[in-house]
């Protein structure tokens, strides 16, 4: 048996468990979200996320108006922070996932892809601004509070 075969499972295990050993952070957010399409959506909502190192798993719920009708939008996003430990200045991240938009008469699912900039991603709080696609052109902005977990 070749010796290099023994190293592959170890490398794979290290890659898969790296987020588990990284610093974990809980995030809460408040913000506004809009999608510009045939039926524009403008909504405000709350979000919750767990970060492990550079990875973020977020859940966002927003309520607002979709083309004049009351609507709710829920999103589950997986993100990657390019600069997670910055305590000053801004950091860049990318995220993707799914959204469910519902009104009294309809429910629709959309794929979401976004790029974002956030203030002090390694600090206790900071603003964020996102632009991307998800049921039309998607823009979002708000504020996040962070708490390291031990």
Foldseek 3Di string as FASTA:
>chain_A
DDPVVVVVVVVVVCVVCQLVPAWKKKKKWWKWKWFDDPWIWTWIWIKIWMGRVFKIWMWIKIWTATNRFTKIKIWTKIKGWPDQQAQADKTKMKIWTKMWMDTPPDIDIWIWIKIKMWGRNNDQKTKMWIWTDTPHTMIMITMMGMDIDD
